[in-house]
Protein backbone atom coordinates (compact mmCIF):
# COMPACT_ATOMS: atom_id res chain seq x y z
CA MET A 1 -28.48 41.81 64.43
CA ALA A 2 -28.08 43.94 61.15
CA VAL A 3 -25.32 46.52 61.27
CA LEU A 4 -26.22 48.46 58.07
CA HIS A 5 -29.63 49.71 58.97
CA GLN A 6 -29.35 52.72 56.67
CA PHE A 7 -29.57 50.23 53.72
CA ASP A 8 -32.74 48.29 54.98
CA TYR A 9 -34.47 49.41 51.78
CA ILE A 10 -31.90 47.41 49.70
CA PHE A 11 -32.37 44.28 51.53
CA ALA A 12 -35.97 44.59 51.26
CA ILE A 13 -35.98 45.16 47.59
CA GLY A 14 -33.55 42.27 47.23
CA MET A 15 -35.98 40.10 49.17
CA ILE A 16 -38.81 41.00 46.64
CA PHE A 17 -36.97 40.52 43.51
CA ALA A 18 -35.16 37.31 44.62
CA PHE A 19 -38.77 35.95 45.37
CA LEU A 20 -39.82 36.94 41.87
CA ASP A 21 -36.69 35.47 40.35
CA ALA A 22 -37.18 32.11 42.16
CA TRP A 23 -40.88 32.36 41.21
CA ASN A 24 -39.94 32.53 37.59
CA ILE A 25 -37.22 29.72 38.09
CA GLY A 26 -40.39 27.52 38.89
CA ALA A 27 -42.68 28.84 36.13
CA ASN A 28 -39.83 28.60 33.45
CA ASP A 29 -36.98 26.43 34.26
CA VAL A 30 -38.68 23.66 36.23
CA ALA A 31 -41.75 23.74 33.99
CA ASN A 32 -39.45 23.24 31.06
CA SER A 33 -37.92 20.28 32.76
CA PHE A 34 -41.35 18.54 33.29
CA ALA A 35 -42.87 19.48 30.02
CA THR A 36 -41.34 16.17 28.53
CA SER A 37 -42.98 14.01 31.12
CA VAL A 38 -46.42 15.79 30.82
CA SER A 39 -46.22 15.89 27.04
CA SER A 40 -45.61 12.24 26.87
CA ARG A 41 -48.39 11.51 29.33
CA SER A 42 -46.25 9.66 31.58
CA LEU A 43 -47.47 12.08 34.32
CA THR A 44 -50.53 14.05 34.46
CA LEU A 45 -50.05 17.83 35.16
CA LYS A 46 -51.13 17.45 38.76
CA GLN A 47 -48.92 14.41 39.35
CA ALA A 48 -45.93 16.44 37.77
CA MET A 49 -46.83 19.46 40.18
CA LEU A 50 -46.71 17.17 43.23
CA ILE A 51 -43.45 15.38 42.34
CA ALA A 52 -41.74 18.65 41.48
CA THR A 53 -43.00 20.31 44.66
CA VAL A 54 -41.47 17.43 46.87
CA CYS A 55 -38.29 17.00 44.92
CA GLU A 56 -37.56 20.64 44.23
CA PHE A 57 -38.20 21.49 47.98
CA ALA A 58 -36.31 18.54 49.43
CA GLY A 59 -33.31 19.24 47.08
CA ALA A 60 -33.12 23.02 47.97
CA VAL A 61 -33.64 22.56 51.63
CA LEU A 62 -32.09 19.31 52.50
CA VAL A 63 -28.92 19.26 50.23
CA GLY A 64 -28.86 22.69 48.76
CA ALA A 65 -25.72 24.72 48.99
CA ARG A 66 -25.16 26.18 52.40
CA VAL A 67 -22.47 28.33 50.93
CA ALA A 68 -23.05 29.90 47.54
CA ASP A 69 -20.71 31.99 45.30
CA THR A 70 -21.14 35.62 45.79
CA ILE A 71 -20.86 36.12 42.15
CA ARG A 72 -21.92 33.14 40.00
CA ASN A 73 -19.36 31.83 37.33
CA LYS A 74 -16.77 34.27 38.64
CA VAL A 75 -17.48 36.85 35.94
CA LEU A 76 -16.50 39.58 38.42
CA SER A 77 -13.96 39.80 41.10
CA VAL A 78 -15.34 40.31 44.56
CA ALA A 79 -11.96 41.92 45.66
CA ALA A 80 -12.95 44.98 43.46
CA PHE A 81 -15.53 45.87 45.98
CA ASN A 82 -13.34 45.38 49.15
CA LYS A 83 -13.33 49.13 49.86
CA GLU A 84 -17.06 49.64 49.13
CA PRO A 85 -18.94 46.64 50.07
CA THR A 86 -22.18 48.42 50.07
CA LEU A 87 -21.67 49.10 46.33
CA LEU A 88 -21.72 45.26 45.66
CA MET A 89 -24.87 45.04 47.70
CA LEU A 90 -26.52 47.56 45.51
CA GLY A 91 -25.11 45.68 42.39
CA MET A 92 -26.62 42.35 43.56
CA MET A 93 -30.00 44.04 43.96
CA CYS A 94 -29.88 45.56 40.45
CA ALA A 95 -28.86 42.19 39.13
CA LEU A 96 -31.83 40.40 40.64
CA ILE A 97 -34.13 43.04 39.21
CA GLY A 98 -32.69 42.66 35.78
CA SER A 99 -32.61 38.99 35.91
CA SER A 100 -36.32 38.70 37.52
CA THR A 101 -37.71 41.34 34.86
CA PHE A 102 -36.41 39.63 31.83
CA LEU A 103 -37.64 36.21 33.17
CA THR A 104 -41.08 37.43 33.78
CA VAL A 105 -41.36 38.63 30.29
CA ALA A 106 -39.85 35.49 28.98
CA THR A 107 -42.16 33.28 30.91
CA LYS A 108 -45.27 35.42 29.97
CA ILE A 109 -44.49 34.87 26.11
CA GLY A 110 -43.74 31.20 26.80
CA LEU A 111 -40.02 31.66 26.01
CA PRO A 112 -37.65 28.95 27.82
CA VAL A 113 -34.47 30.42 28.98
CA SER A 114 -31.55 29.53 31.19
CA THR A 115 -32.11 31.12 34.59
CA THR A 116 -28.34 30.70 35.30
CA HIS A 117 -27.48 32.82 32.40
CA CYS A 118 -30.21 35.26 33.40
CA ILE A 119 -28.48 36.16 36.74
CA VAL A 120 -25.03 36.01 35.05
CA GLY A 121 -26.04 38.67 32.61
CA GLY A 122 -27.34 40.80 35.38
CA VAL A 123 -24.13 40.54 37.33
CA VAL A 124 -22.25 41.44 33.81
CA GLY A 125 -24.14 44.50 33.52
CA VAL A 126 -23.57 45.63 36.90
CA GLY A 127 -19.93 44.94 36.64
CA ILE A 128 -19.72 47.09 33.58
CA ALA A 129 -21.58 49.91 35.19
CA ALA A 130 -19.48 49.87 38.20
CA LEU A 131 -16.05 48.93 36.98
CA GLY A 132 -16.11 49.27 33.27
CA ALA A 133 -15.60 46.66 30.71
CA ASP A 134 -12.24 45.63 32.12
CA GLY A 135 -13.69 44.72 35.35
CA VAL A 136 -15.59 41.65 33.63
CA GLN A 137 -13.93 38.25 33.20
CA TRP A 138 -14.52 37.75 29.43
CA GLY A 139 -12.30 34.79 29.15
CA TRP A 140 -13.14 30.93 29.30
CA LYS A 141 -13.68 31.09 33.13
CA GLY A 142 -16.05 33.93 32.75
CA VAL A 143 -18.60 35.11 29.94
CA ALA A 144 -17.12 32.93 27.27
CA GLN A 145 -18.52 29.91 28.79
CA ILE A 146 -22.18 31.37 28.24
CA PHE A 147 -21.34 31.86 24.64
CA ALA A 148 -20.05 28.35 24.40
CA ALA A 149 -23.12 26.86 26.26
CA TRP A 150 -25.19 27.79 23.19
CA PHE A 151 -23.57 24.98 21.30
CA VAL A 152 -21.85 22.60 23.64
CA ALA A 153 -24.83 21.71 25.89
CA PRO A 154 -27.50 21.20 23.24
CA ALA A 155 -25.03 19.30 20.85
CA ILE A 156 -23.83 16.84 23.49
CA ALA A 157 -27.32 16.08 24.96
CA GLY A 158 -28.84 15.73 21.41
CA CYS A 159 -26.00 13.06 20.74
CA PHE A 160 -26.77 11.36 24.02
CA GLY A 161 -30.48 11.47 23.59
CA ALA A 162 -30.12 10.00 20.14
CA ILE A 163 -28.06 7.13 21.28
CA VAL A 164 -30.30 6.10 24.18
CA PHE A 165 -33.36 6.23 21.69
CA SER A 166 -31.58 4.47 19.00
CA ILE A 167 -30.72 1.53 21.38
CA THR A 168 -34.41 1.54 22.70
CA LYS A 169 -35.87 1.62 19.27
CA TYR A 170 -33.71 -1.21 17.69
CA GLY A 171 -33.33 -3.18 20.86
CA VAL A 172 -36.98 -3.14 21.97
CA LEU A 173 -39.54 -1.04 20.07
CA LYS A 174 -38.97 -2.57 16.69
CA ARG A 175 -38.55 -6.14 17.82
CA LYS A 176 -40.94 -8.80 16.93
CA ASP A 177 -42.33 -9.08 20.41
CA PRO A 178 -41.37 -5.63 21.84
CA PHE A 179 -43.04 -6.19 25.17
CA LYS A 180 -41.11 -9.42 25.87
CA ALA A 181 -37.86 -7.60 24.82
CA GLY A 182 -38.78 -4.76 27.09
CA LEU A 183 -39.24 -6.96 30.09
CA ILE A 184 -35.86 -8.47 29.64
CA GLN A 185 -34.00 -5.08 29.21
CA ILE A 186 -36.08 -2.98 31.75
CA PRO A 187 -33.86 -4.20 34.75
CA PHE A 188 -30.87 -2.99 32.94
CA TYR A 189 -32.47 0.34 32.04
CA PHE A 190 -33.39 0.89 35.63
CA ALA A 191 -29.85 -0.05 36.90
CA LEU A 192 -28.25 2.44 34.19
CA THR A 193 -30.74 5.20 35.16
CA SER A 194 -30.41 4.92 38.72
CA GLY A 195 -26.52 4.89 38.36
CA ILE A 196 -26.54 7.90 36.30
CA LEU A 197 -28.86 9.98 38.61
CA THR A 198 -26.79 8.98 41.44
CA MET A 199 -23.90 10.42 39.76
CA LEU A 200 -26.06 13.65 39.13
CA ILE A 201 -26.59 13.88 42.94
CA VAL A 202 -23.30 13.04 44.11
CA TRP A 203 -21.58 15.36 41.68
CA LYS A 204 -23.80 18.21 40.96
CA GLY A 205 -26.83 18.41 43.42
CA ALA A 206 -25.60 17.48 46.99
CA ALA A 207 -23.53 20.53 47.88
CA SER A 208 -24.26 20.38 51.55
CA LEU A 209 -23.46 16.77 51.92
CA SER A 210 -19.65 17.43 51.53
CA LEU A 211 -19.19 14.59 49.07
CA SER A 212 -16.18 16.40 47.35
CA GLY A 213 -13.82 14.61 49.82
CA TRP A 214 -14.97 11.13 48.77
CA THR A 215 -12.47 8.96 47.07
CA ALA A 216 -12.93 7.36 43.75
CA GLY A 217 -13.65 4.11 45.23
CA GLN A 218 -16.37 5.50 47.58
CA ILE A 219 -18.06 7.30 44.58
CA CYS A 220 -17.93 4.18 42.36
CA GLY A 221 -19.11 1.89 45.32
CA CYS A 222 -22.08 4.29 45.77
CA ILE A 223 -22.90 4.44 42.18
CA PHE A 224 -22.66 0.69 41.51
CA GLY A 225 -24.29 -0.28 44.77
CA VAL A 226 -27.43 1.96 44.09
CA ALA A 227 -27.67 0.47 40.43
CA ILE A 228 -27.42 -3.18 41.32
CA GLY A 229 -29.64 -2.56 44.25
CA VAL A 230 -32.34 -0.94 42.11
CA MET A 231 -31.84 -3.69 39.38
CA ALA A 232 -32.54 -6.21 42.15
CA LEU A 233 -35.71 -4.66 43.22
CA CYS A 234 -36.86 -4.22 39.69
CA THR A 235 -36.54 -7.79 38.88
CA ILE A 236 -37.99 -9.14 42.07
CA PHE A 237 -40.99 -6.81 42.38
CA PHE A 238 -41.59 -4.87 39.29
CA LEU A 239 -41.21 -7.46 36.54
CA PRO A 240 -43.93 -9.46 38.04
CA TYR A 241 -46.27 -6.74 38.33
CA LEU A 242 -45.78 -5.71 34.74
CA HIS A 243 -46.25 -9.28 33.67
CA ARG A 244 -49.50 -9.66 35.58
CA ARG A 245 -50.90 -6.25 34.97
CA ILE A 246 -49.81 -5.49 31.24
CA MET A 247 -49.10 -8.84 29.64
CA GLN A 248 -51.86 -10.98 31.16
CA GLU A 249 -54.13 -7.72 31.38
CA ASP A 250 -55.32 -8.36 35.01
CA TRP A 251 -57.41 -5.29 35.60
CA THR A 252 -57.81 -6.17 39.26
CA VAL A 253 -54.11 -5.67 40.02
CA LYS A 254 -53.49 -2.16 41.56
CA TRP A 255 -50.43 -0.18 42.01
CA TYR A 256 -49.80 -1.30 45.69
CA HIS A 257 -49.53 -4.98 44.49
CA ILE A 258 -46.31 -4.31 43.27
CA PHE A 259 -44.85 -5.26 46.73
CA TYR A 260 -46.25 -8.70 46.39
CA GLY A 261 -43.41 -9.42 44.10
CA PRO A 262 -43.21 -13.04 42.83
CA LEU A 263 -46.50 -13.86 44.58
CA LEU A 264 -48.30 -12.17 41.77
CA LEU A 265 -47.19 -15.07 39.53
CA ARG A 266 -49.17 -17.49 41.66
CA ARG A 267 -52.32 -15.20 41.75
CA GLY A 268 -54.47 -17.66 39.64
CA PRO A 269 -56.50 -17.24 36.63
CA VAL A 270 -57.16 -13.57 35.31
CA PRO A 271 -60.74 -12.68 35.91
CA GLU A 272 -62.93 -11.55 32.97
CA LYS A 273 -62.36 -7.84 32.03
CA PRO A 274 -65.45 -5.74 32.20
CA ARG A 275 -66.38 -3.68 29.13
CA ASN A 276 -64.66 -0.36 28.73
CA THR A 277 -62.02 -1.22 31.17
CA GLN A 278 -58.76 0.33 30.06
CA ILE A 279 -55.58 -1.48 31.25
CA VAL A 280 -53.02 0.92 29.57
CA GLN A 281 -53.92 4.47 28.32
CA ASP A 282 -53.52 5.33 24.77
CA TYR A 283 -50.08 7.31 24.70
CA TYR A 284 -50.75 8.37 21.05
CA ARG A 285 -54.37 9.50 21.27
CA GLY A 286 -54.84 12.80 19.39
CA HIS A 287 -51.59 12.12 17.40
CA LEU A 288 -52.53 10.73 14.00
CA THR A 289 -50.44 8.57 11.76
CA LYS A 290 -49.68 9.61 8.11
CA GLU A 291 -52.35 7.20 6.88
CA GLN A 292 -54.93 8.41 9.51
CA LEU A 293 -54.21 12.24 8.65
CA GLU A 294 -54.72 11.55 4.96
CA ALA A 295 -57.85 9.54 5.55
CA SER A 296 -59.34 12.28 7.77
CA HIS A 297 -59.11 15.16 5.07
CA ILE A 298 -62.51 16.26 4.18
CA PRO A 299 -62.98 17.56 0.48
CA GLN A 300 -63.32 21.37 0.28
CA ASP A 301 -65.98 21.37 -2.58
CA PRO A 302 -69.06 20.46 -0.35
CA ILE A 303 -67.98 23.20 2.31
CA ASN A 304 -67.54 25.89 -0.40
CA ASP A 305 -70.98 24.95 -1.91
CA LEU A 306 -72.53 25.38 1.56
CA GLU A 307 -70.78 28.78 2.09
CA LYS A 308 -72.00 29.95 -1.37
CA GLY A 309 -75.44 28.61 -1.03
CA SER A 310 -78.54 30.98 -0.77
CA LYS A 311 -79.87 31.86 2.61
CA SER A 312 -82.93 29.96 4.14
CA PRO A 313 -86.41 31.23 2.90
CA ASN A 314 -87.20 31.55 6.46
CA ALA A 315 -84.36 34.18 6.87
CA ALA A 316 -86.28 36.88 5.17
CA SER A 317 -89.44 36.21 7.21
CA THR A 318 -87.65 36.10 10.49
CA SER A 319 -85.36 39.08 9.92
CA ARG A 320 -86.72 42.47 10.87
CA SER A 321 -85.60 45.89 9.45
CA SER A 322 -85.49 49.07 11.48
CA ASP A 323 -88.54 50.44 9.74
CA ASP A 324 -90.49 47.26 11.10
CA ILE A 325 -89.33 47.94 14.51
CA SER A 326 -90.29 51.68 14.23
CA ALA A 327 -93.72 50.82 13.02
CA ASP A 328 -94.29 48.33 16.02
CA ASN A 329 -93.13 51.08 18.40
CA ALA A 330 -95.77 53.38 16.71
CA ALA A 331 -98.51 50.78 17.22
CA GLY A 332 -97.75 50.56 20.68
CA THR A 333 -95.59 47.57 20.99
CA HIS A 334 -93.46 47.87 24.23
CA ILE A 335 -89.75 47.62 23.55
CA MET A 336 -87.50 47.27 26.62
CA ASP A 337 -84.84 50.02 26.87
CA ILE A 338 -83.23 48.39 29.71
CA LYS A 339 -80.08 46.46 28.55
CA PRO A 340 -80.48 42.92 29.93
CA LYS A 341 -77.82 41.82 32.52
CA SER A 342 -75.37 39.19 31.24
CA LEU A 343 -75.08 35.87 32.90
CA ALA A 344 -71.98 36.71 34.66
CA GLN A 345 -73.60 39.68 36.19
CA GLU A 346 -76.46 37.65 37.49
CA GLU A 347 -74.04 35.11 38.90
CA GLN A 348 -72.21 37.81 40.72
CA ARG A 349 -75.50 39.38 42.10
CA GLU A 350 -76.42 35.80 43.56
CA LEU A 351 -72.88 35.25 45.09
CA GLY A 352 -72.75 38.57 46.71
CA PRO A 353 -69.68 41.03 47.08
CA TRP A 354 -66.32 39.98 46.23
CA TYR A 355 -64.98 40.41 49.67
CA THR A 356 -67.28 37.67 51.28
CA PRO A 357 -65.33 34.52 52.66
CA MET A 358 -66.77 32.20 50.02
CA ASN A 359 -65.82 34.64 47.00
CA LEU A 360 -62.40 35.33 48.37
CA TYR A 361 -61.87 31.46 48.62
CA ARG A 362 -62.99 31.03 44.96
CA LYS A 363 -60.69 33.85 43.86
CA ALA A 364 -57.70 32.24 45.72
CA ASN A 365 -58.53 28.78 44.29
CA TYR A 366 -58.57 30.33 40.88
CA LEU A 367 -55.40 32.10 41.20
CA PHE A 368 -53.47 29.04 42.73
CA PHE A 369 -54.99 26.20 41.00
CA ARG A 370 -56.29 27.30 37.62
CA GLY A 371 -53.12 25.96 35.95
CA VAL A 372 -53.30 22.57 37.48
CA ASN A 373 -56.62 21.54 35.76
CA ILE A 374 -55.31 22.48 32.30
CA ASP A 375 -54.95 19.57 29.70
CA VAL A 376 -51.43 20.54 28.52
CA VAL A 377 -51.36 17.88 25.73
CA SER A 378 -54.66 19.01 24.34
CA GLU A 379 -53.49 22.67 24.61
CA GLN A 380 -50.37 21.80 22.74
CA THR A 381 -52.16 20.05 19.85
CA HIS A 382 -55.60 21.61 19.68
CA GLY A 383 -55.21 24.77 21.72
CA LYS A 384 -54.68 28.41 20.48
CA ASN A 385 -51.64 28.16 18.03
CA SER A 386 -49.18 30.80 17.09
CA PHE A 387 -47.11 31.13 14.00
CA LEU A 388 -44.52 29.23 15.76
CA SER A 389 -46.62 26.14 16.06
CA GLY A 390 -46.93 25.24 12.39
CA ASP A 391 -48.80 22.31 11.15
CA ILE A 392 -48.56 20.14 14.36
CA ALA A 393 -50.84 17.35 12.79
CA ALA A 394 -48.46 17.02 9.71
CA MET A 395 -45.26 17.04 11.95
CA HIS A 396 -46.50 14.32 14.17
CA ALA A 397 -47.76 12.23 11.29
CA ARG A 398 -44.13 11.87 10.32
CA THR A 399 -43.15 9.87 13.45
CA GLN A 400 -43.59 6.15 13.83
CA HIS A 401 -46.10 4.88 16.70
CA PHE A 402 -44.85 1.82 18.76
CA ASP A 403 -46.52 -0.61 20.77
CA ASN A 404 -48.61 0.96 23.45
CA LYS A 405 -48.02 -1.62 26.34
CA THR A 406 -44.28 -1.12 25.68
CA GLU A 407 -44.46 2.55 25.73
CA HIS A 408 -46.15 2.05 29.20
CA MET A 409 -43.04 0.29 30.68
CA TYR A 410 -40.92 3.43 29.88
CA SER A 411 -43.36 5.82 31.68
CA PHE A 412 -41.96 4.46 35.04
CA LEU A 413 -38.49 5.05 33.93
CA GLN A 414 -39.47 8.54 32.98
CA VAL A 415 -40.99 9.27 36.25
CA LEU A 416 -37.73 8.15 38.00
CA THR A 417 -35.53 10.42 35.69
CA ALA A 418 -37.98 13.47 36.00
CA ALA A 419 -38.15 13.11 39.84
CA THR A 420 -34.32 12.69 40.41
CA SER A 421 -33.46 15.41 38.02
CA SER A 422 -35.95 17.70 39.72
CA PHE A 423 -34.07 16.99 42.99
CA ALA A 424 -30.83 17.82 41.71
CA HIS A 425 -32.03 20.99 40.06
CA GLY A 426 -33.62 22.20 43.41
CA ALA A 427 -30.27 21.62 45.22
CA ASN A 428 -28.25 23.21 42.43
CA ASP A 429 -30.13 26.14 40.70
CA VAL A 430 -31.88 27.64 43.84
CA SER A 431 -28.74 29.50 44.38
CA ASN A 432 -29.41 31.39 41.02
CA ALA A 433 -31.68 33.55 43.08
CA LEU A 434 -30.37 33.00 46.55
CA GLY A 435 -26.74 33.62 45.75
CA PRO A 436 -27.01 37.41 45.10
CA LEU A 437 -29.62 37.55 47.93
CA SER A 438 -27.25 35.95 50.50
CA ALA A 439 -24.61 38.43 49.39
CA ILE A 440 -26.92 41.13 50.04
CA PHE A 441 -27.84 39.70 53.38
CA LEU A 442 -24.25 39.07 54.55
CA ILE A 443 -23.15 42.68 53.75
CA TRP A 444 -26.29 44.08 55.39
CA ASN A 445 -26.19 41.88 58.33
CA SER A 446 -22.44 41.96 59.23
CA GLY A 447 -20.90 44.68 56.93
CA LYS A 448 -18.29 42.12 55.78
CA LEU A 449 -17.50 40.91 52.05
CA SER A 450 -16.54 37.39 51.19
CA SER A 451 -16.23 35.47 47.85
CA LYS A 452 -18.49 32.81 49.51
CA SER A 453 -21.89 33.86 50.97
CA PRO A 454 -23.32 31.61 53.80
CA VAL A 455 -26.81 30.64 52.90
CA PRO A 456 -29.32 30.30 55.90
CA VAL A 457 -31.72 27.74 55.89
CA TRP A 458 -34.58 30.15 56.12
CA LEU A 459 -33.36 31.50 52.84
CA LEU A 460 -33.36 28.19 51.12
CA VAL A 461 -36.88 27.53 52.36
CA TYR A 462 -37.86 31.08 51.19
CA GLY A 463 -36.27 30.25 47.72
CA ALA A 464 -37.99 26.84 47.53
CA VAL A 465 -41.44 28.13 48.37
CA ALA A 466 -41.13 30.64 45.46
CA ILE A 467 -40.07 27.97 43.00
CA VAL A 468 -43.07 25.75 43.93
CA ILE A 469 -45.46 28.61 43.87
CA GLY A 470 -44.24 29.71 40.44
CA LEU A 471 -44.67 26.28 39.00
CA TRP A 472 -48.10 25.82 40.36
CA THR A 473 -49.37 29.06 39.28
CA TYR A 474 -47.85 29.57 35.91
CA GLY A 475 -45.81 26.57 34.97
CA TYR A 476 -48.54 25.31 32.66
CA ASN A 477 -47.77 28.31 30.32
CA ILE A 478 -44.30 27.15 29.27
CA MET A 479 -45.30 23.50 29.22
CA ARG A 480 -48.08 24.13 26.56
CA ASN A 481 -45.60 25.91 24.33
CA LEU A 482 -43.06 23.22 24.29
CA GLY A 483 -43.38 19.38 24.28
CA ASN A 484 -45.39 18.24 21.51
CA ARG A 485 -45.15 21.50 19.64
CA LEU A 486 -41.34 20.76 19.27
CA THR A 487 -41.86 17.10 18.38
CA LEU A 488 -44.03 14.21 19.01
CA HIS A 489 -43.55 12.87 22.59
CA SER A 490 -44.14 9.50 23.98
CA PRO A 491 -42.77 7.73 27.25
CA SER A 492 -40.00 5.90 25.32
CA ARG A 493 -38.93 9.27 23.70
CA GLY A 494 -39.36 11.22 26.81
CA PHE A 495 -37.27 8.84 28.87
CA SER A 496 -34.51 8.99 26.14
CA MET A 497 -34.65 12.86 26.33
CA GLU A 498 -34.36 13.19 29.96
CA LEU A 499 -31.78 10.43 30.30
CA GLY A 500 -29.67 12.24 27.57
CA SER A 501 -30.06 15.48 29.39
CA ALA A 502 -28.90 13.87 32.64
CA LEU A 503 -25.97 12.19 31.00
CA THR A 504 -24.86 15.67 29.58
CA VAL A 505 -25.11 17.33 33.01
CA VAL A 506 -23.11 14.63 34.68
CA MET A 507 -20.35 14.65 32.08
CA ALA A 508 -20.22 18.50 31.84
CA THR A 509 -20.11 18.84 35.55
CA ARG A 510 -17.04 16.57 35.98
CA LEU A 511 -15.18 18.17 32.79
CA ALA A 512 -16.09 21.53 34.00
CA LEU A 513 -17.91 22.28 30.75
CA PRO A 514 -20.53 25.11 30.36
CA ILE A 515 -24.00 23.68 30.54
CA SER A 516 -27.49 24.69 31.20
CA THR A 517 -30.24 22.25 32.09
CA THR A 518 -32.74 24.17 29.71
CA GLN A 519 -30.25 23.89 26.88
CA CYS A 520 -29.64 20.10 27.66
CA ILE A 521 -33.31 19.06 27.52
CA THR A 522 -33.95 21.03 24.38
CA GLY A 523 -31.05 19.54 22.61
CA ALA A 524 -31.89 16.02 23.73
CA THR A 525 -35.44 16.60 22.45
CA VAL A 526 -34.11 17.58 18.93
CA GLY A 527 -31.76 14.58 18.87
CA VAL A 528 -34.37 12.20 19.70
CA GLY A 529 -36.86 13.70 17.33
CA LEU A 530 -34.42 13.33 14.46
CA CYS A 531 -33.98 9.51 15.40
CA THR A 532 -37.83 8.87 15.59
CA GLY A 533 -38.87 10.39 12.29
CA ASP A 534 -37.26 12.65 9.57
CA VAL A 535 -36.03 16.26 9.55
CA LYS A 536 -39.55 17.60 9.12
CA ALA A 537 -40.48 15.68 12.40
CA ILE A 538 -38.86 18.71 14.22
CA ASN A 539 -40.46 22.12 14.44
CA TRP A 540 -37.37 23.95 13.41
CA LEU A 541 -39.18 27.34 13.78
CA MET A 542 -39.74 26.64 17.50
CA VAL A 543 -36.09 25.60 17.81
CA ALA A 544 -35.05 28.92 16.22
CA TRP A 545 -37.28 30.65 18.76
CA ILE A 546 -35.78 28.98 21.67
CA TYR A 547 -32.28 29.69 20.43
CA MET A 548 -33.12 33.19 20.02
CA GLY A 549 -34.21 33.35 23.76
CA TRP A 550 -30.83 31.90 24.72
CA ILE A 551 -28.89 34.54 22.63
CA ILE A 552 -30.79 37.55 23.93
CA THR A 553 -30.82 36.55 27.66
CA LEU A 554 -27.39 37.90 28.46
CA PRO A 555 -27.56 41.20 26.75
CA CYS A 556 -31.22 41.93 27.96
CA THR A 557 -30.51 41.25 31.59
CA GLY A 558 -27.25 43.00 31.37
CA ILE A 559 -28.76 46.17 29.78
CA ILE A 560 -31.68 46.18 32.48
CA ALA A 561 -29.23 45.58 35.43
CA GLY A 562 -26.60 47.83 34.10
CA CYS A 563 -28.73 50.84 33.34
CA LEU A 564 -30.34 50.70 36.59
CA MET A 565 -26.97 50.42 38.40
CA GLY A 566 -25.41 53.32 36.19
CA ILE A 567 -28.35 55.61 36.93
CA ILE A 568 -28.14 55.07 40.65
CA ILE A 569 -24.36 55.35 41.25
CA ASN A 570 -24.17 58.50 38.96
CA ALA A 571 -27.42 60.16 39.96
CA PRO A 572 -27.31 63.73 41.19
CA GLN A 573 -27.57 64.16 45.04
CA TRP A 574 -28.18 67.06 47.29
CA GLY A 575 -24.89 68.88 47.78
CA HIS A 576 -23.42 67.02 44.82
CA ALA A 577 -25.65 67.99 41.99
CA LEU A 578 -22.75 68.88 39.68
């Protein structure tokens, strides 16, 4: 039972803006993470939404932190509010308002930002307003980590992504028989990937499992056990499936036949393939090579001649001047003065009022699922471009295209990395929105203050639902502004980017280095792009735009939250106006 009912409004406002903050985590942070998988066509947008929904929700609710830091990154001392815990309650509300407001604007304009840095910026602003500049921890264990993250995380992720892709490029993709080389190396890739992702869950994304007490032997046994087990399963079940389905082009083999394992090798002769049957999709469709781009250029002279040409002789006879119309009116020609109804108006008249059950259903369906049916890759390459997009076709033409069947193998690895990273993200980053809210709830409910705030399960569900709704309703906006607009994506490249990002998160977590998953995936994308083409294969204007977003995050959220906090605590009151 709550003990501070006089501050019910603070708790209510905190609930609203925590939901908005979590909504933006889904629409911005999670969408940025899955932009790689969707842009490379390893996953459709709907498949990415479903996987993210399951993994983010499961990560947040099943293994999410049951106890969160009251103040993320320790940029403020909780002890400073011991005498006035309700002031911290107010401060966390202002921090949520500042973070969610900036995130909403950033998501709207398609700017990927770090949600962790958003809430930390809000807390810094609150701290300056309440305690002064000296009340904020500016050293390495505080705000300095944020500044270092702008360079540390992208640089390390870029190096890891470049290393992974270089090994893939020269060890598989550029071999004489790349598909055969891929079949040999794919079990090792699955083992490496599953081992690294196990580290990610053990060290970063399983707060409620209390794995911190594990010995080094237990951790190594878990990691190597998972890696070896996945490698064995891949060799027994997955390789026969790839051999039959891709190498022998057996169009009758479906995804569930993977459980047949070695029995697929004894399936018999491959039946004749019907016309227009596609075994593997073209992962490079819509992306032209340099030769194709040069061949597609149409001479401009014929177009200019057409533009300068005279009008059709019939144009004069069909055009009517105002004098002609007036003459017709005088002669008794009937001209309708009533403006004809548009097609939309006619349709609305037939459908009836907006509040009918069918129309309400259509409205809800449009609001919740309009982003799911968007072709993100087409939007990236052929959609509405801004000055940040540049010449996408010329940029993509500078990158090499590899064997399509070999690329298909890496799509499975990319799905694995995307799903596991999403699980760890849900377990860890949901506390960006729920950490301040749990502090508000603790003070409102008990009147007590602690450096650790217990997070009830219902709050985890609340945050997970908001993340999922944000991804489904507006995640497409961030996705279509990234991916192929940054550099050309394919499954092998996307897998290298995501694995490079995961490696960075694992290493930085163990070494207590400042990292952000948003900055990691961006750095890995640039590193892979440099290895796959040349310097001009990267959209550096877009990179600068993303970097600008990282830099302005802290001051923008800090100013919003700090100004709001300062105005409230210093506002005139009845009896204390002067």
